[in-house]
Structures are given as C-alpha cells and as structure tokens.
Amino acid sequence: MQNIVDLRLFNQLISGGKPDKPEQVAKHLGALQAQDYHQALWAIGLRMSSGTVADIRAKHCRS
C-alpha cells in the first residue's frame, strides 16, 4: 500500500504519468494558483511530460 505522500504527489501530477498539454493539467487539478505569472508557468510545466514556456504561453494567449 502506498503512503499518503506518494498518493498526494501522484494526484498533484508531480509523480507518475503526466499530461502532454497545459489544458489537461488545469482540467485534472480543477484550479491553479500562483503569486505571479512565472510561478504559474513553472507549476504547469512541472506537471507536463515535456512542457515548455512557449507551449504554455501559446495556450494561455488563445484562451
């Protein structure tokens, strides 16, 4: 059985399989919060399989 730390990291998309698109991250988490724009980019990119700043900004600017 997994411990609570492993489950939390998995559910927050920090460990395990990661989505390819920023909108998949937002949909899974339901909401994201950051103190500034660069922290938000980092939080989304951390949870993507190979997210780049350009990928995240491109999606953000279309929304």
Protein backbone atom coordinates (compact mmCIF):
# COMPACT_ATOMS: atom_id res chain seq x y z
CA MET A 1 0.00 0.00 0.00
CA GLN A 2 1.24 3.47 -0.88
CA ASN A 3 1.74 6.08 1.77
CA ILE A 4 -0.04 9.44 1.80
CA VAL A 5 2.98 11.32 0.41
CA ASP A 6 3.15 9.12 -2.69
CA LEU A 7 -0.60 9.43 -3.25
CA ARG A 8 -0.51 13.20 -2.93
CA LEU A 9 2.40 13.56 -5.37
CA PHE A 10 0.62 11.29 -7.84
CA ASN A 11 -2.72 13.12 -7.54
CA GLN A 12 -1.00 16.50 -7.95
CA LEU A 13 0.67 15.22 -11.19
CA ILE A 14 4.14 15.63 -9.70
CA SER A 15 4.97 11.92 -9.94
CA GLY A 16 3.70 9.21 -12.24
CA GLY A 17 2.26 9.79 -15.70
CA LYS A 18 2.00 13.40 -16.83
CA PRO A 19 -0.25 15.03 -19.42
CA ASP A 20 1.10 16.49 -22.66
CA LYS A 21 -0.97 19.69 -22.75
CA PRO A 22 -1.40 22.56 -20.27
CA GLU A 23 -5.19 22.40 -20.53
CA GLN A 24 -5.06 18.76 -19.39
CA VAL A 25 -3.16 19.85 -16.28
CA ALA A 26 -5.74 22.53 -15.50
CA LYS A 27 -8.64 20.14 -16.10
CA HIS A 28 -7.15 17.48 -13.82
CA LEU A 29 -6.40 19.89 -10.97
CA GLY A 30 -9.56 21.97 -11.35
CA ALA A 31 -7.73 25.18 -10.45
CA LEU A 32 -4.23 26.63 -10.23
CA GLN A 33 -2.96 29.45 -8.06
CA ALA A 34 0.36 31.29 -8.03
CA GLN A 35 1.75 34.52 -6.64
CA ASP A 36 2.98 35.64 -10.04
CA TYR A 37 2.95 34.68 -13.70
CA HIS A 38 6.32 32.92 -13.72
CA GLN A 39 5.35 30.71 -10.78
CA ALA A 40 2.19 29.75 -12.66
CA LEU A 41 4.24 28.78 -15.74
CA TRP A 42 6.54 26.69 -13.55
CA ALA A 43 3.63 24.97 -11.77
CA ILE A 44 2.02 23.96 -15.06
CA GLY A 45 5.29 22.96 -16.76
CA LEU A 46 6.30 20.82 -13.78
CA ARG A 47 3.17 18.76 -14.26
CA MET A 48 3.56 18.24 -18.02
CA SER A 49 5.53 15.46 -19.68
CA SER A 50 7.62 17.94 -21.68
CA GLY A 51 6.11 21.38 -21.23
CA THR A 52 7.96 24.46 -22.40
CA VAL A 53 7.29 28.10 -21.63
CA ALA A 54 6.34 28.59 -25.30
CA ASP A 55 3.78 25.75 -25.14
CA ILE A 56 2.14 27.12 -22.02
CA ARG A 57 2.14 30.74 -23.22
CA ALA A 58 0.68 29.75 -26.59
CA LYS A 59 -2.26 28.04 -24.93
CA HIS A 60 -2.69 30.81 -22.37
CA CYS A 61 -2.83 33.51 -25.05
CA ARG A 62 -5.51 31.61 -27.02
CA SER A 63 -7.81 31.23 -24.02
